[in-house]
Amino acid sequence: MLYPSMDKLMESVDSRYSLVIAVAKHARQISEEAEKNHNVLDEKPVKLSINDIADKKVKIIMHKPDEEWEEEKSEPDDAVTDEAAPAEEPEGEDAAGDADESGEE
């Protein structure tokens, strides 16, 4: 059997995806702190992170989108899209091109 068990780890989160993100973020914090303090880790940061989460030494904060955020994210009817409007040609461009073709030097 693996320690810690997935059941124990899943007590802190609502999905495996959330667990993976939490473990990765905490492992990065452990690694950066060890590097900053010039410490050599006996175990890999991911294993230390998993153990901290299983032992509830780390509090995982879950952010769930609320209804206001979902409404704000939707695009209004008059929103600007990524499509580019056709560019208008400048009026003087045709006149300049015709002068070169007339043969005047």
Foldseek 3Di string as FASTA:
>chain_A
DDPPDPVLLCVQDPDVVLSVVQLVVQLVVVVVVCVVVVHDDPDRSSVVSSVCSSVVVDHRDDDDDDPVVVVVPDDDPPDDDPDDDDDDDDPCPVVVVVVVVVPDD
